[in-house]
Amino acid sequence: MALAHACRITGVNREEHLRASHCKPWRDAINEERLDGENGLLLTPSMGLDPKQPPNVGAFSSGQRKYLEFHRENVLLMSRFLEHL
């Protein structure tokens, strides 16, 4: 919460509705990465997004982009691969 004050997707800024979510999962991260504020995004757990109209979530820092790239390649794409097995 030192780096962000609202959900990157919905803009919700009430703390009771926000969850700090790791981009690079805790199980895959070293201690330094686990505590790195750039390895997380504030999100609301019930977003209900329309995939046909993706939201504009703003720009990411270089550190956030590094962690998001890991997530895309090792979490998101892997989960889609495993669904088809």
PDB file of N, CA and C in Angstrom:
ATOM      1  N   MET A   1       0.813  -1.193   0.000  1.00  0.00           N
ATOM      2  CA  MET A   1       0.000   0.000   0.000  1.00  0.00           C
ATOM      3  C   MET A   1       0.859   1.260   0.000  1.00  0.00           C
ATOM      4  N   ALA A   2       2.161   1.077   0.141  1.00  0.00           N
ATOM      5  CA  ALA A   2       3.041   2.234   0.048  1.00  0.00           C
ATOM      6  C   ALA A   2       3.169   2.714  -1.397  1.00  0.00           C
ATOM      7  N   LEU A   3       2.944   1.822  -2.356  1.00  0.00           N
ATOM      8  CA  LEU A   3       3.088   2.175  -3.766  1.00  0.00           C
ATOM      9  C   LEU A   3       1.765   2.463  -4.460  1.00  0.00           C
ATOM     10  N   ALA A   4       0.672   1.932  -3.941  1.00  0.00           N
ATOM     11  CA  ALA A   4      -0.636   2.117  -4.582  1.00  0.00           C
ATOM     12  C   ALA A   4      -1.694   2.303  -3.504  1.00  0.00           C
ATOM     13  N   HIS A   5      -2.779   2.941  -3.876  1.00  0.00           N
ATOM     14  CA  HIS A   5      -3.825   3.230  -2.898  1.00  0.00           C
ATOM     15  C   HIS A   5      -5.201   2.772  -3.355  1.00  0.00           C
ATOM     16  N   ALA A   6      -5.261   2.082  -4.505  1.00  0.00           N
ATOM     17  CA  ALA A   6      -6.547   1.634  -5.036  1.00  0.00           C
ATOM     18  C   ALA A   6      -6.338   0.422  -5.929  1.00  0.00           C
ATOM     19  N   CYS A   7      -7.420  -0.298  -6.175  1.00  0.00           N
ATOM     20  CA  CYS A   7      -7.388  -1.434  -7.091  1.00  0.00           C
ATOM     21  C   CYS A   7      -6.991  -0.950  -8.485  1.00  0.00           C
ATOM     22  N   ARG A   8      -6.043  -1.654  -9.098  1.00  0.00           N
ATOM     23  CA  ARG A   8      -5.574  -1.270 -10.440  1.00  0.00           C
ATOM     24  C   ARG A   8      -6.647  -1.410 -11.500  1.00  0.00           C
ATOM     25  N   ILE A   9      -7.664  -2.180 -11.229  1.00  0.00           N
ATOM     26  CA  ILE A   9      -8.677  -2.453 -12.240  1.00  0.00           C
ATOM     27  C   ILE A   9      -9.968  -1.677 -11.994  1.00  0.00           C
ATOM     28  N   THR A  10     -10.447  -1.715 -10.760  1.00  0.00           N
ATOM     29  CA  THR A  10     -11.738  -1.083 -10.465  1.00  0.00           C
ATOM     30  C   THR A  10     -11.623   0.333  -9.915  1.00  0.00           C
ATOM     31  N   GLY A  11     -10.456   0.675  -9.361  1.00  0.00           N
ATOM     32  CA  GLY A  11     -10.294   1.988  -8.741  1.00  0.00           C
ATOM     33  C   GLY A  11     -10.808   2.045  -7.312  1.00  0.00           C
ATOM     34  N   VAL A  12     -11.325   0.940  -6.787  1.00  0.00           N
ATOM     35  CA  VAL A  12     -11.810   0.901  -5.403  1.00  0.00           C
ATOM     36  C   VAL A  12     -10.658   1.247  -4.474  1.00  0.00           C
ATOM     37  N   ASN A  13     -10.911   2.160  -3.521  1.00  0.00           N
ATOM     38  CA  ASN A  13      -9.828   2.587  -2.638  1.00  0.00           C
ATOM     39  C   ASN A  13     -10.120   2.358  -1.154  1.00  0.00           C
ATOM     40  N   ARG A  14     -11.161   1.650  -0.841  1.00  0.00           N
ATOM     41  CA  ARG A  14     -11.474   1.344   0.564  1.00  0.00           C
ATOM     42  C   ARG A  14     -10.673   0.123   0.988  1.00  0.00           C
ATOM     43  N   GLU A  15      -9.835   0.290   2.012  1.00  0.00           N
ATOM     44  CA  GLU A  15      -8.911  -0.769   2.438  1.00  0.00           C
ATOM     45  C   GLU A  15      -9.587  -2.104   2.699  1.00  0.00           C
ATOM     46  N   GLU A  16     -10.789  -2.090   3.245  1.00  0.00           N
ATOM     47  CA  GLU A  16     -11.453  -3.350   3.577  1.00  0.00           C
ATOM     48  C   GLU A  16     -11.837  -4.166   2.339  1.00  0.00           C
ATOM     49  N   HIS A  17     -11.794  -3.533   1.170  1.00  0.00           N
ATOM     50  CA  HIS A  17     -12.125  -4.236  -0.073  1.00  0.00           C
ATOM     51  C   HIS A  17     -10.892  -4.587  -0.909  1.00  0.00           C
ATOM     52  N   LEU A  18      -9.718  -4.242  -0.436  1.00  0.00           N
ATOM     53  CA  LEU A  18      -8.492  -4.455  -1.211  1.00  0.00           C
ATOM     54  C   LEU A  18      -7.710  -5.655  -0.703  1.00  0.00           C
ATOM     55  N   ARG A  19      -7.084  -6.357  -1.646  1.00  0.00           N
ATOM     56  CA  ARG A  19      -6.187  -7.465  -1.318  1.00  0.00           C
ATOM     57  C   ARG A  19      -4.872  -7.229  -2.032  1.00  0.00           C
ATOM     58  N   ALA A  20      -3.785  -7.371  -1.291  1.00  0.00           N
ATOM     59  CA  ALA A  20      -2.461  -7.295  -1.906  1.00  0.00           C
ATOM     60  C   ALA A  20      -2.208  -8.648  -2.572  1.00  0.00           C
ATOM     61  N   SER A  21      -2.000  -8.630  -3.859  1.00  0.00           N
ATOM     62  CA  SER A  21      -1.840  -9.860  -4.624  1.00  0.00           C
ATOM     63  C   SER A  21      -0.459  -9.907  -5.255  1.00  0.00           C
ATOM     64  N   HIS A  22       0.275 -10.984  -4.980  1.00  0.00           N
ATOM     65  CA  HIS A  22       1.605 -11.134  -5.558  1.00  0.00           C
ATOM     66  C   HIS A  22       1.520 -11.455  -7.048  1.00  0.00           C
ATOM     67  N   CYS A  23       2.381 -10.836  -7.828  1.00  0.00           N
ATOM     68  CA  CYS A  23       2.498 -11.171  -9.258  1.00  0.00           C
ATOM     69  C   CYS A  23       3.315 -12.448  -9.400  1.00  0.00           C
ATOM     70  N   LYS A  24       4.477 -12.462  -8.780  1.00  0.00           N
ATOM     71  CA  LYS A  24       5.285 -13.677  -8.717  1.00  0.00           C
ATOM     72  C   LYS A  24       4.884 -14.366  -7.420  1.00  0.00           C
ATOM     73  N   PRO A  25       4.249 -15.532  -7.506  1.00  0.00           N
ATOM     74  CA  PRO A  25       3.705 -16.181  -6.312  1.00  0.00           C
ATOM     75  C   PRO A  25       4.743 -16.389  -5.210  1.00  0.00           C
ATOM     76  N   TRP A  26       4.252 -16.342  -3.982  1.00  0.00           N
ATOM     77  CA  TRP A  26       5.076 -16.522  -2.787  1.00  0.00           C
ATOM     78  C   TRP A  26       5.919 -17.789  -2.906  1.00  0.00           C
ATOM     79  N   ARG A  27       5.314 -18.881  -3.397  1.00  0.00           N
ATOM     80  CA  ARG A  27       6.022 -20.172  -3.472  1.00  0.00           C
ATOM     81  C   ARG A  27       7.194 -20.141  -4.445  1.00  0.00           C
ATOM     82  N   ASP A  28       7.162 -19.249  -5.432  1.00  0.00           N
ATOM     83  CA  ASP A  28       8.208 -19.168  -6.450  1.00  0.00           C
ATOM     84  C   ASP A  28       9.226 -18.064  -6.181  1.00  0.00           C
ATOM     85  N   ALA A  29       8.955 -17.241  -5.180  1.00  0.00           N
ATOM     86  CA  ALA A  29       9.788 -16.060  -4.933  1.00  0.00           C
ATOM     87  C   ALA A  29      10.799 -16.302  -3.820  1.00  0.00           C
ATOM     88  N   ILE A  30      11.925 -15.598  -3.921  1.00  0.00           N
ATOM     89  CA  ILE A  30      12.877 -15.589  -2.812  1.00  0.00           C
ATOM     90  C   ILE A  30      12.399 -14.516  -1.821  1.00  0.00           C
ATOM     91  N   ASN A  31      12.964 -14.499  -0.628  1.00  0.00           N
ATOM     92  CA  ASN A  31      12.502 -13.570   0.408  1.00  0.00           C
ATOM     93  C   ASN A  31      12.497 -12.115  -0.056  1.00  0.00           C
ATOM     94  N   GLU A  32      13.527 -11.714  -0.753  1.00  0.00           N
ATOM     95  CA  GLU A  32      13.597 -10.328  -1.238  1.00  0.00           C
ATOM     96  C   GLU A  32      12.419 -10.003  -2.160  1.00  0.00           C
ATOM     97  N   GLU A  33      12.060 -10.927  -3.042  1.00  0.00           N
ATOM     98  CA  GLU A  33      10.950 -10.724  -3.966  1.00  0.00           C
ATOM     99  C   GLU A  33       9.605 -10.739  -3.243  1.00  0.00           C
ATOM    100  N   ARG A  34       9.494 -11.574  -2.218  1.00  0.00           N
ATOM    101  CA  ARG A  34       8.244 -11.659  -1.453  1.00  0.00           C
ATOM    102  C   ARG A  34       7.907 -10.333  -0.780  1.00  0.00           C
ATOM    103  N   LEU A  35       8.925  -9.614  -0.360  1.00  0.00           N
ATOM    104  CA  LEU A  35       8.716  -8.359   0.361  1.00  0.00           C
ATOM    105  C   LEU A  35       8.811  -7.128  -0.533  1.00  0.00           C
ATOM    106  N   ASP A  36       9.120  -7.322  -1.794  1.00  0.00           N
ATOM    107  CA  ASP A  36       9.243  -6.212  -2.743  1.00  0.00           C
ATOM    108  C   ASP A  36       7.852  -5.680  -3.097  1.00  0.00           C
ATOM    109  N   GLY A  37       7.604  -4.415  -2.800  1.00  0.00           N
ATOM    110  CA  GLY A  37       6.313  -3.800  -3.088  1.00  0.00           C
ATOM    111  C   GLY A  37       5.941  -3.829  -4.555  1.00  0.00           C
ATOM    112  N   GLU A  38       6.935  -3.924  -5.429  1.00  0.00           N
ATOM    113  CA  GLU A  38       6.634  -3.967  -6.865  1.00  0.00           C
ATOM    114  C   GLU A  38       6.182  -5.355  -7.320  1.00  0.00           C
ATOM    115  N   ASN A  39       6.285  -6.330  -6.433  1.00  0.00           N
ATOM    116  CA  ASN A  39       5.809  -7.683  -6.741  1.00  0.00           C
ATOM    117  C   ASN A  39       4.360  -7.843  -6.285  1.00  0.00           C
ATOM    118  N   GLY A  40       3.616  -6.800  -6.313  1.00  0.00           N
ATOM    119  CA  GLY A  40       2.234  -6.911  -5.892  1.00  0.00           C
ATOM    120  C   GLY A  40       1.366  -5.837  -6.504  1.00  0.00           C
ATOM    121  N   LEU A  41       0.092  -6.150  -6.569  1.00  0.00           N
ATOM    122  CA  LEU A  41      -0.912  -5.197  -7.030  1.00  0.00           C
ATOM    123  C   LEU A  41      -2.052  -5.226  -6.024  1.00  0.00           C
ATOM    124  N   LEU A  42      -2.640  -4.077  -5.788  1.00  0.00           N
ATOM    125  CA  LEU A  42      -3.855  -4.046  -4.988  1.00  0.00           C
ATOM    126  C   LEU A  42      -5.020  -4.364  -5.906  1.00  0.00           C
ATOM    127  N   LEU A  43      -5.811  -5.345  -5.506  1.00  0.00           N
ATOM    128  CA  LEU A  43      -6.947  -5.770  -6.310  1.00  0.00           C
ATOM    129  C   LEU A  43      -8.159  -5.986  -5.410  1.00  0.00           C
ATOM    130  N   THR A  44      -9.336  -5.898  -5.992  1.00  0.00           N
ATOM    131  CA  THR A  44     -10.554  -6.264  -5.279  1.00  0.00           C
ATOM    132  C   THR A  44     -10.894  -7.695  -5.679  1.00  0.00           C
ATOM    133  N   PRO A  45     -11.344  -8.521  -4.713  1.00  0.00           N
ATOM    134  CA  PRO A  45     -11.570  -9.935  -5.023  1.00  0.00           C
ATOM    135  C   PRO A  45     -12.739 -10.209  -5.963  1.00  0.00           C
ATOM    136  N   SER A  46     -13.685  -9.317  -6.074  1.00  0.00           N
ATOM    137  CA  SER A  46     -14.840  -9.571  -6.951  1.00  0.00           C
ATOM    138  C   SER A  46     -14.910  -8.489  -8.023  1.00  0.00           C
ATOM    139  N   MET A  47     -14.221  -8.752  -9.137  1.00  0.00           N
ATOM    140  CA  MET A  47     -14.093  -7.703 -10.165  1.00  0.00           C
ATOM    141  C   MET A  47     -15.112  -7.814 -11.277  1.00  0.00           C
ATOM    142  N   GLY A  48     -15.543  -8.985 -11.668  1.00  0.00           N
ATOM    143  CA  GLY A  48     -16.544  -9.145 -12.709  1.00  0.00           C
ATOM    144  C   GLY A  48     -16.228  -8.371 -13.980  1.00  0.00           C
ATOM    145  N   LEU A  49     -15.112  -8.686 -14.607  1.00  0.00           N
ATOM    146  CA  LEU A  49     -14.672  -7.955 -15.794  1.00  0.00           C
ATOM    147  C   LEU A  49     -15.283  -8.501 -17.074  1.00  0.00           C
ATOM    148  N   ASP A  50     -15.473  -7.620 -18.021  1.00  0.00           N
ATOM    149  CA  ASP A  50     -15.946  -8.006 -19.347  1.00  0.00           C
ATOM    150  C   ASP A  50     -14.712  -8.169 -20.232  1.00  0.00           C
ATOM    151  N   PRO A  51     -14.379  -9.408 -20.659  1.00  0.00           N
ATOM    152  CA  PRO A  51     -13.168  -9.625 -21.463  1.00  0.00           C
ATOM    153  C   PRO A  51     -13.203  -8.913 -22.813  1.00  0.00           C
ATOM    154  N   LYS A  52     -14.384  -8.527 -23.266  1.00  0.00           N
ATOM    155  CA  LYS A  52     -14.491  -7.814 -24.542  1.00  0.00           C
ATOM    156  C   LYS A  52     -14.141  -6.336 -24.402  1.00  0.00           C
ATOM    157  N   GLN A  53     -14.132  -5.841 -23.173  1.00  0.00           N
ATOM    158  CA  GLN A  53     -13.783  -4.446 -22.921  1.00  0.00           C
ATOM    159  C   GLN A  53     -12.788  -4.381 -21.761  1.00  0.00           C
ATOM    160  N   PRO A  54     -11.536  -4.759 -22.011  1.00  0.00           N
ATOM    161  CA  PRO A  54     -10.556  -4.751 -20.923  1.00  0.00           C
ATOM    162  C   PRO A  54     -10.338  -3.332 -20.396  1.00  0.00           C
ATOM    163  N   PRO A  55     -10.164  -3.199 -19.084  1.00  0.00           N
ATOM    164  CA  PRO A  55      -9.981  -1.876 -18.491  1.00  0.00           C
ATOM    165  C   PRO A  55      -8.588  -1.322 -18.754  1.00  0.00           C
ATOM    166  N   ASN A  56      -8.463  -0.020 -18.672  1.00  0.00           N
ATOM    167  CA  ASN A  56      -7.163   0.633 -18.744  1.00  0.00           C
ATOM    168  C   ASN A  56      -6.627   0.686 -17.319  1.00  0.00           C
ATOM    169  N   VAL A  57      -5.589  -0.082 -17.038  1.00  0.00           N
ATOM    170  CA  VAL A  57      -5.059  -0.165 -15.675  1.00  0.00           C
ATOM    171  C   VAL A  57      -3.869   0.749 -15.437  1.00  0.00           C
ATOM    172  N   GLY A  58      -3.517   1.558 -16.419  1.00  0.00           N
ATOM    173  CA  GLY A  58      -2.404   2.484 -16.259  1.00  0.00           C
ATOM    174  C   GLY A  58      -1.059   1.837 -16.532  1.00  0.00           C
ATOM    175  N   ALA A  59      -0.031   2.611 -16.355  1.00  0.00           N
ATOM    176  CA  ALA A  59       1.340   2.156 -16.626  1.00  0.00           C
ATOM    177  C   ALA A  59       1.900   1.405 -15.423  1.00  0.00           C
ATOM    178  N   PHE A  60       2.800   0.470 -15.705  1.00  0.00           N
ATOM    179  CA  PHE A  60       3.488  -0.279 -14.663  1.00  0.00           C
ATOM    180  C   PHE A  60       4.946   0.148 -14.625  1.00  0.00           C
ATOM    181  N   SER A  61       5.543   0.095 -13.442  1.00  0.00           N
ATOM    182  CA  SER A  61       6.972   0.383 -13.306  1.00  0.00           C
ATOM    183  C   SER A  61       7.760  -0.764 -13.929  1.00  0.00           C
ATOM    184  N   SER A  62       9.042  -0.568 -14.128  1.00  0.00           N
ATOM    185  CA  SER A  62       9.865  -1.641 -14.705  1.00  0.00           C
ATOM    186  C   SER A  62       9.894  -2.851 -13.776  1.00  0.00           C
ATOM    187  N   GLY A  63       9.917  -2.626 -12.473  1.00  0.00           N
ATOM    188  CA  GLY A  63       9.888  -3.738 -11.520  1.00  0.00           C
ATOM    189  C   GLY A  63       8.587  -4.510 -11.601  1.00  0.00           C
ATOM    190  N   GLN A  64       7.466  -3.806 -11.681  1.00  0.00           N
ATOM    191  CA  GLN A  64       6.179  -4.478 -11.821  1.00  0.00           C
ATOM    192  C   GLN A  64       6.106  -5.265 -13.123  1.00  0.00           C
ATOM    193  N   ARG A  65       6.623  -4.688 -14.200  1.00  0.00           N
ATOM    194  CA  ARG A  65       6.598  -5.390 -15.494  1.00  0.00           C
ATOM    195  C   ARG A  65       7.383  -6.694 -15.425  1.00  0.00           C
ATOM    196  N   LYS A  66       8.516  -6.686 -14.709  1.00  0.00           N
ATOM    197  CA  LYS A  66       9.325  -7.903 -14.558  1.00  0.00           C
ATOM    198  C   LYS A  66       8.517  -8.992 -13.856  1.00  0.00           C
ATOM    199  N   TYR A  67       7.851  -8.642 -12.773  1.00  0.00           N
ATOM    200  CA  TYR A  67       7.059  -9.626 -12.037  1.00  0.00           C
ATOM    201  C   TYR A  67       5.824 -10.063 -12.830  1.00  0.00           C
ATOM    202  N   LEU A  68       5.200  -9.137 -13.541  1.00  0.00           N
ATOM    203  CA  LEU A  68       4.034  -9.486 -14.352  1.00  0.00           C
ATOM    204  C   LEU A  68       4.415 -10.413 -15.503  1.00  0.00           C
ATOM    205  N   GLU A  69       5.602 -10.217 -16.061  1.00  0.00           N
ATOM    206  CA  GLU A  69       6.082 -11.110 -17.121  1.00  0.00           C
ATOM    207  C   GLU A  69       6.241 -12.524 -16.578  1.00  0.00           C
ATOM    208  N   PHE A  70       6.809 -12.645 -15.381  1.00  0.00           N
ATOM    209  CA  PHE A  70       6.932 -13.964 -14.754  1.00  0.00           C
ATOM    210  C   PHE A  70       5.548 -14.580 -14.578  1.00  0.00           C
ATOM    211  N   HIS A  71       4.600 -13.801 -14.086  1.00  0.00           N
ATOM    212  CA  HIS A  71       3.248 -14.299 -13.862  1.00  0.00           C
ATOM    213  C   HIS A  71       2.609 -14.779 -15.166  1.00  0.00           C
ATOM    214  N   ARG A  72       2.742 -13.979 -16.200  1.00  0.00           N
ATOM    215  CA  ARG A  72       2.153 -14.330 -17.499  1.00  0.00           C
ATOM    216  C   ARG A  72       2.719 -15.649 -18.018  1.00  0.00           C
ATOM    217  N   GLU A  73       4.040 -15.800 -17.949  1.00  0.00           N
ATOM    218  CA  GLU A  73       4.695 -16.973 -18.522  1.00  0.00           C
ATOM    219  C   GLU A  73       4.597 -18.218 -17.646  1.00  0.00           C
ATOM    220  N   ASN A  74       4.613 -18.056 -16.332  1.00  0.00           N
ATOM    221  CA  ASN A  74       4.717 -19.203 -15.434  1.00  0.00           C
ATOM    222  C   ASN A  74       3.462 -19.522 -14.639  1.00  0.00           C
ATOM    223  N   VAL A  75       2.539 -18.619 -14.586  1.00  0.00           N
ATOM    224  CA  VAL A  75       1.311 -18.859 -13.843  1.00  0.00           C
ATOM    225  C   VAL A  75       0.121 -18.906 -14.792  1.00  0.00           C
ATOM    226  N   LEU A  76      -0.138 -17.823 -15.485  1.00  0.00           N
ATOM    227  CA  LEU A  76      -1.294 -17.747 -16.371  1.00  0.00           C
ATOM    228  C   LEU A  76      -1.206 -18.739 -17.521  1.00  0.00           C
ATOM    229  N   LEU A  77      -0.138 -18.690 -18.289  1.00  0.00           N
ATOM    230  CA  LEU A  77      -0.018 -19.583 -19.446  1.00  0.00           C
ATOM    231  C   LEU A  77       0.096 -21.041 -19.022  1.00  0.00           C
ATOM    232  N   MET A  78       0.772 -21.299 -17.916  1.00  0.00           N
ATOM    233  CA  MET A  78       0.910 -22.666 -17.428  1.00  0.00           C
ATOM    234  C   MET A  78      -0.442 -23.214 -16.990  1.00  0.00           C
ATOM    235  N   SER A  79      -1.251 -22.394 -16.324  1.00  0.00           N
ATOM    236  CA  SER A  79      -2.560 -22.877 -15.886  1.00  0.00           C
ATOM    237  C   SER A  79      -3.449 -23.184 -17.090  1.00  0.00           C
ATOM    238  N   ARG A  80      -3.353 -22.379 -18.129  1.00  0.00           N
ATOM    239  CA  ARG A  80      -4.125 -22.652 -19.356  1.00  0.00           C
ATOM    240  C   ARG A  80      -3.644 -23.936 -20.026  1.00  0.00           C
ATOM    241  N   PHE A  81      -2.335 -24.165 -20.025  1.00  0.00           N
ATOM    242  CA  PHE A  81      -1.767 -25.389 -20.589  1.00  0.00           C
ATOM    243  C   PHE A  81      -2.274 -26.607 -19.836  1.00  0.00           C
ATOM    244  N   LEU A  82      -2.262 -26.525 -18.505  1.00  0.00           N
ATOM    245  CA  LEU A  82      -2.661 -27.668 -17.692  1.00  0.00           C
ATOM    246  C   LEU A  82      -4.152 -27.974 -17.812  1.00  0.00           C
ATOM    247  N   GLU A  83      -4.958 -26.960 -18.102  1.00  0.00           N
ATOM    248  CA  GLU A  83      -6.393 -27.176 -18.293  1.00  0.00           C
ATOM    249  C   GLU A  83      -6.661 -28.085 -19.493  1.00  0.00           C
ATOM    250  N   HIS A  84      -5.781 -28.052 -20.475  1.00  0.00           N
ATOM    251  CA  HIS A  84      -5.993 -28.806 -21.704  1.00  0.00           C
ATOM    252  C   HIS A  84      -5.407 -30.218 -21.668  1.00  0.00           C
ATOM    253  N   LEU A  85      -4.792 -30.587 -20.577  1.00  0.00           N
ATOM    254  CA  LEU A  85      -4.218 -31.939 -20.450  1.00  0.00           C
ATOM    255  C   LEU A  85      -5.286 -32.946 -20.100  1.00  0.00           C
TER     256      LEU A  85
END
